[in-house]
Amino acid sequence: MAEENITTSEAATTEESGPVFAIQRIYLKDLSFETPMGPSVFQKQWQPKVNQDLNTKNTKLENDLYEVALRLTLTVTDGEDTIYILEVKQAGIFAIKGLDPKQITHVINTTCPNILFPYAREAVDSVLSKGSFPALMLPPINFDALFASALKQAEEEGKDAPEGSETTH
């Protein structure tokens, strides 16, 4: 009887129970903030223009572990003057198992950045507050639409679908 129980529990642990997606860790990988004009930026009225650059990069760490890094660069200018430059790299380690390569590529380029974006957004707000600048309410980003657009563009250019190693939005 005991032997039968061991066999049953071993079978339960080795049996595939379906796809797995788990967040292992979310962390701030890099942060840079510059105010090139120094204190003179606070002594004049300005009409800011915000330029936002978004980029994702992933690295396969082990069999089922992937690091996904979301880089968000904000450059705020007033005419020719740069008010500030802020770059945040928010990263996460994700366990992804039981999916085919196409599904993994989709998860890495959509689900993972969707999880990371609120953390990057919070880091932006925190740094701007410490820099004595008004909060910048970054709108939500539809990573599914961005990925679909990247797939369509790759298809039009006759390339294979992006593997997710680096995607710029």
C-alpha atoms as a PDB file:
ATOM      1  CA  MET A   1       0.000   0.000   0.000  1.00  0.00           C
ATOM      2  CA  ALA A   2       2.778   2.455   0.924  1.00  0.00           C
ATOM      3  CA  GLU A   3       4.537   1.576  -2.294  1.00  0.00           C
ATOM      4  CA  GLU A   4       1.359   2.348  -4.229  1.00  0.00           C
ATOM      5  CA  ASN A   5       1.069   5.785  -2.552  1.00  0.00           C
ATOM      6  CA  ILE A   6       4.648   6.669  -3.474  1.00  0.00           C
ATOM      7  CA  THR A   7       4.048   5.678  -7.065  1.00  0.00           C
ATOM      8  CA  THR A   8       0.878   7.784  -7.195  1.00  0.00           C
ATOM      9  CA  SER A   9       2.548  10.883  -5.703  1.00  0.00           C
ATOM     10  CA  GLU A  10       5.568  10.496  -7.990  1.00  0.00           C
ATOM     11  CA  ALA A  11       3.233  10.291 -10.952  1.00  0.00           C
ATOM     12  CA  ALA A  12       1.425  13.421  -9.776  1.00  0.00           C
ATOM     13  CA  THR A  13       4.660  15.441  -9.551  1.00  0.00           C
ATOM     14  CA  THR A  14       6.026  14.269 -12.896  1.00  0.00           C
ATOM     15  CA  GLU A  15       2.734  14.569 -14.773  1.00  0.00           C
ATOM     16  CA  GLU A  16       2.376  17.682 -16.891  1.00  0.00           C
ATOM     17  CA  SER A  17      -0.399  19.778 -15.432  1.00  0.00           C
ATOM     18  CA  GLY A  18      -0.483  22.266 -18.285  1.00  0.00           C
ATOM     19  CA  PRO A  19       1.222  25.585 -19.066  1.00  0.00           C
ATOM     20  CA  VAL A  20       3.051  27.446 -16.311  1.00  0.00           C
ATOM     21  CA  PHE A  21       3.590  31.199 -16.020  1.00  0.00           C
ATOM     22  CA  ALA A  22       5.069  32.513 -12.783  1.00  0.00           C
ATOM     23  CA  ILE A  23       6.738  35.752 -11.758  1.00  0.00           C
ATOM     24  CA  GLN A  24      10.021  34.912 -10.041  1.00  0.00           C
ATOM     25  CA  ARG A  25      11.204  38.463  -9.336  1.00  0.00           C
ATOM     26  CA  ILE A  26      10.528  42.051 -10.415  1.00  0.00           C
ATOM     27  CA  TYR A  27      13.327  44.552  -9.981  1.00  0.00           C
ATOM     28  CA  LEU A  28      14.662  47.933 -11.065  1.00  0.00           C
ATOM     29  CA  LYS A  29      17.598  47.137 -13.365  1.00  0.00           C
ATOM     30  CA  ASP A  30      18.752  50.654 -14.249  1.00  0.00           C
ATOM     31  CA  LEU A  31      17.746  54.230 -13.529  1.00  0.00           C
ATOM     32  CA  SER A  32      19.118  57.489 -14.908  1.00  0.00           C
ATOM     33  CA  PHE A  33      17.875  61.053 -14.376  1.00  0.00           C
ATOM     34  CA  GLU A  34      19.448  64.264 -15.690  1.00  0.00           C
ATOM     35  CA  THR A  35      18.471  67.912 -15.504  1.00  0.00           C
ATOM     36  CA  PRO A  36      21.033  69.504 -17.856  1.00  0.00           C
ATOM     37  CA  MET A  37      19.896  73.085 -17.188  1.00  0.00           C
ATOM     38  CA  GLY A  38      20.306  72.749 -13.432  1.00  0.00           C
ATOM     39  CA  PRO A  39      18.379  75.209 -11.248  1.00  0.00           C
ATOM     40  CA  SER A  40      17.781  77.663 -14.113  1.00  0.00           C
ATOM     41  CA  VAL A  41      15.002  75.340 -15.331  1.00  0.00           C
ATOM     42  CA  PHE A  42      12.922  76.369 -12.309  1.00  0.00           C
ATOM     43  CA  GLN A  43      13.372  80.095 -12.943  1.00  0.00           C
ATOM     44  CA  LYS A  44      11.417  80.351 -16.165  1.00  0.00           C
ATOM     45  CA  GLN A  45       8.070  79.417 -17.647  1.00  0.00           C
ATOM     46  CA  TRP A  46       8.243  76.563 -20.103  1.00  0.00           C
ATOM     47  CA  GLN A  47       5.982  74.721 -22.477  1.00  0.00           C
ATOM     48  CA  PRO A  48       7.192  71.133 -22.207  1.00  0.00           C
ATOM     49  CA  LYS A  49       7.247  68.688 -25.076  1.00  0.00           C
ATOM     50  CA  VAL A  50       7.481  65.040 -24.000  1.00  0.00           C
ATOM     51  CA  ASN A  51       9.182  62.409 -26.148  1.00  0.00           C
ATOM     52  CA  GLN A  52       8.693  58.829 -24.995  1.00  0.00           C
ATOM     53  CA  ASP A  53      10.728  55.852 -26.220  1.00  0.00           C
ATOM     54  CA  LEU A  54       9.751  52.334 -25.200  1.00  0.00           C
ATOM     55  CA  ASN A  55      11.807  49.199 -25.737  1.00  0.00           C
ATOM     56  CA  THR A  56      11.683  45.610 -24.509  1.00  0.00           C
ATOM     57  CA  LYS A  57      14.511  43.118 -24.420  1.00  0.00           C
ATOM     58  CA  ASN A  58      14.534  39.557 -23.194  1.00  0.00           C
ATOM     59  CA  THR A  59      17.149  36.989 -22.352  1.00  0.00           C
ATOM     60  CA  LYS A  60      16.690  33.285 -21.818  1.00  0.00           C
ATOM     61  CA  LEU A  61      18.380  32.526 -18.483  1.00  0.00           C
ATOM     62  CA  GLU A  62      17.741  28.793 -18.184  1.00  0.00           C
ATOM     63  CA  ASN A  63      15.400  26.216 -19.712  1.00  0.00           C
ATOM     64  CA  ASP A  64      12.163  27.830 -18.555  1.00  0.00           C
ATOM     65  CA  LEU A  65      13.420  31.147 -17.066  1.00  0.00           C
ATOM     66  CA  TYR A  66      13.408  34.418 -18.983  1.00  0.00           C
ATOM     67  CA  GLU A  67      14.495  37.917 -18.037  1.00  0.00           C
ATOM     68  CA  VAL A  68      12.358  40.606 -19.656  1.00  0.00           C
ATOM     69  CA  ALA A  69      13.487  44.240 -19.383  1.00  0.00           C
ATOM     70  CA  LEU A  70      11.242  47.172 -20.245  1.00  0.00           C
ATOM     71  CA  ARG A  71      13.198  50.360 -20.981  1.00  0.00           C
ATOM     72  CA  LEU A  72      11.285  53.619 -20.856  1.00  0.00           C
ATOM     73  CA  THR A  73      13.113  56.803 -21.853  1.00  0.00           C
ATOM     74  CA  LEU A  74      11.452  60.184 -21.410  1.00  0.00           C
ATOM     75  CA  THR A  75      13.002  63.325 -22.832  1.00  0.00           C
ATOM     76  CA  VAL A  76      11.239  66.563 -21.937  1.00  0.00           C
ATOM     77  CA  THR A  77      12.223  69.678 -23.859  1.00  0.00           C
ATOM     78  CA  ASP A  78      11.243  73.325 -24.117  1.00  0.00           C
ATOM     79  CA  GLY A  79      12.218  74.480 -27.586  1.00  0.00           C
ATOM     80  CA  GLU A  80      15.950  73.754 -27.880  1.00  0.00           C
ATOM     81  CA  ASP A  81      16.428  73.307 -24.124  1.00  0.00           C
ATOM     82  CA  THR A  82      16.315  69.889 -22.493  1.00  0.00           C
ATOM     83  CA  ILE A  83      14.446  70.097 -19.205  1.00  0.00           C
ATOM     84  CA  TYR A  84      15.136  66.520 -18.133  1.00  0.00           C
ATOM     85  CA  ILE A  85      15.959  63.059 -19.390  1.00  0.00           C
ATOM     86  CA  LEU A  86      14.716  60.053 -17.461  1.00  0.00           C
ATOM     87  CA  GLU A  87      15.464  56.432 -18.285  1.00  0.00           C
ATOM     88  CA  VAL A  88      14.030  53.509 -16.329  1.00  0.00           C
ATOM     89  CA  LYS A  89      14.798  49.850 -16.990  1.00  0.00           C
ATOM     90  CA  GLN A  90      12.284  47.740 -15.126  1.00  0.00           C
ATOM     91  CA  ALA A  91      12.978  44.029 -15.344  1.00  0.00           C
ATOM     92  CA  GLY A  92      11.496  40.755 -14.256  1.00  0.00           C
ATOM     93  CA  ILE A  93      12.383  37.100 -14.204  1.00  0.00           C
ATOM     94  CA  PHE A  94       9.559  34.888 -15.422  1.00  0.00           C
ATOM     95  CA  ALA A  95       9.128  31.114 -15.456  1.00  0.00           C
ATOM     96  CA  ILE A  96       7.337  30.087 -18.654  1.00  0.00           C
ATOM     97  CA  LYS A  97       6.781  26.421 -19.380  1.00  0.00           C
ATOM     98  CA  GLY A  98       4.472  24.201 -21.386  1.00  0.00           C
ATOM     99  CA  LEU A  99       3.933  26.602 -24.293  1.00  0.00           C
ATOM    100  CA  ASP A 100       5.070  26.316 -27.888  1.00  0.00           C
ATOM    101  CA  PRO A 101       7.757  28.807 -29.059  1.00  0.00           C
ATOM    102  CA  LYS A 102       5.211  31.072 -30.768  1.00  0.00           C
ATOM    103  CA  GLN A 103       3.155  31.314 -27.557  1.00  0.00           C
ATOM    104  CA  ILE A 104       6.289  31.987 -25.491  1.00  0.00           C
ATOM    105  CA  THR A 105       7.219  34.822 -27.859  1.00  0.00           C
ATOM    106  CA  HIS A 106       3.732  36.293 -27.451  1.00  0.00           C
ATOM    107  CA  VAL A 107       3.824  36.056 -23.628  1.00  0.00           C
ATOM    108  CA  ILE A 108       7.310  37.605 -23.465  1.00  0.00           C
ATOM    109  CA  ASN A 109       6.279  40.527 -25.685  1.00  0.00           C
ATOM    110  CA  THR A 110       2.828  41.216 -24.239  1.00  0.00           C
ATOM    111  CA  THR A 111       2.108  39.721 -20.824  1.00  0.00           C
ATOM    112  CA  CYS A 112       5.522  40.386 -19.282  1.00  0.00           C
ATOM    113  CA  PRO A 113       5.722  44.079 -20.342  1.00  0.00           C
ATOM    114  CA  ASN A 114       2.107  44.539 -19.155  1.00  0.00           C
ATOM    115  CA  ILE A 115       3.217  43.339 -15.716  1.00  0.00           C
ATOM    116  CA  LEU A 116       6.369  45.485 -15.689  1.00  0.00           C
ATOM    117  CA  PHE A 117       4.856  48.754 -16.953  1.00  0.00           C
ATOM    118  CA  PRO A 118       3.099  49.817 -13.719  1.00  0.00           C
ATOM    119  CA  TYR A 119       6.382  49.392 -11.826  1.00  0.00           C
ATOM    120  CA  ALA A 120       8.224  51.527 -14.398  1.00  0.00           C
ATOM    121  CA  ARG A 121       5.452  54.113 -14.205  1.00  0.00           C
ATOM    122  CA  GLU A 122       5.777  54.290 -10.416  1.00  0.00           C
ATOM    123  CA  ALA A 123       9.568  54.696 -10.691  1.00  0.00           C
ATOM    124  CA  VAL A 124       9.065  57.591 -13.149  1.00  0.00           C
ATOM    125  CA  ASP A 125       6.631  59.354 -10.802  1.00  0.00           C
ATOM    126  CA  SER A 126       8.906  58.830  -7.802  1.00  0.00           C
ATOM    127  CA  VAL A 127      12.004  60.212  -9.546  1.00  0.00           C
ATOM    128  CA  LEU A 128      10.139  63.221 -10.960  1.00  0.00           C
ATOM    129  CA  SER A 129       8.780  64.024  -7.519  1.00  0.00           C
ATOM    130  CA  LYS A 130      12.287  63.884  -6.045  1.00  0.00           C
ATOM    131  CA  GLY A 131      13.515  66.081  -8.901  1.00  0.00           C
ATOM    132  CA  SER A 132      10.831  68.659  -8.006  1.00  0.00           C
ATOM    133  CA  PHE A 133       8.984  68.240 -11.294  1.00  0.00           C
ATOM    134  CA  PRO A 134       5.254  67.678 -11.748  1.00  0.00           C
ATOM    135  CA  ALA A 135       4.060  64.094 -12.087  1.00  0.00           C
ATOM    136  CA  LEU A 136       3.865  62.763 -15.616  1.00  0.00           C
ATOM    137  CA  MET A 137       0.755  60.634 -15.974  1.00  0.00           C
ATOM    138  CA  LEU A 138       1.871  58.034 -18.494  1.00  0.00           C
ATOM    139  CA  PRO A 139      -1.116  56.497 -20.252  1.00  0.00           C
ATOM    140  CA  PRO A 140      -1.555  52.717 -20.316  1.00  0.00           C
ATOM    141  CA  ILE A 141       0.136  50.951 -23.216  1.00  0.00           C
ATOM    142  CA  ASN A 142      -1.481  48.226 -25.276  1.00  0.00           C
ATOM    143  CA  PHE A 143       1.413  45.789 -25.666  1.00  0.00           C
ATOM    144  CA  ASP A 144      -0.813  43.330 -27.537  1.00  0.00           C
ATOM    145  CA  ALA A 145      -1.465  45.925 -30.256  1.00  0.00           C
ATOM    146  CA  LEU A 146       2.227  46.864 -30.403  1.00  0.00           C
ATOM    147  CA  PHE A 147       3.229  43.225 -30.787  1.00  0.00           C
ATOM    148  CA  ALA A 148       0.589  42.643 -33.481  1.00  0.00           C
ATOM    149  CA  SER A 149       1.917  45.700 -35.319  1.00  0.00           C
ATOM    150  CA  ALA A 150       5.503  44.386 -35.063  1.00  0.00           C
ATOM    151  CA  LEU A 151       4.352  41.009 -36.442  1.00  0.00           C
ATOM    152  CA  LYS A 152       2.561  42.692 -39.338  1.00  0.00           C
ATOM    153  CA  GLN A 153       5.581  44.866 -40.115  1.00  0.00           C
ATOM    154  CA  ALA A 154       7.903  41.829 -40.034  1.00  0.00           C
ATOM    155  CA  GLU A 155       5.508  39.975 -42.341  1.00  0.00           C
ATOM    156  CA  GLU A 156       5.412  42.889 -44.809  1.00  0.00           C
ATOM    157  CA  GLU A 157       9.207  43.060 -44.815  1.00  0.00           C
ATOM    158  CA  GLY A 158       9.371  39.311 -45.443  1.00  0.00           C
ATOM    159  CA  LYS A 159      11.041  38.562 -42.130  1.00  0.00           C
ATOM    160  CA  ASP A 160      10.237  35.908 -39.562  1.00  0.00           C
ATOM    161  CA  ALA A 161       8.109  36.853 -36.595  1.00  0.00           C
ATOM    162  CA  PRO A 162      10.105  38.666 -33.920  1.00  0.00           C
ATOM    163  CA  GLU A 163      11.469  36.249 -31.329  1.00  0.00           C
ATOM    164  CA  GLY A 164      11.234  38.929 -28.688  1.00  0.00           C
ATOM    165  CA  SER A 165      14.971  39.299 -28.183  1.00  0.00           C
ATOM    166  CA  GLU A 166      14.554  43.018 -28.644  1.00  0.00           C
ATOM    167  CA  THR A 167      11.473  44.934 -29.666  1.00  0.00           C
ATOM    168  CA  THR A 168      11.265  48.708 -29.944  1.00  0.00           C
ATOM    169  CA  HIS A 169       7.923  50.479 -29.664  1.00  0.00           C
END
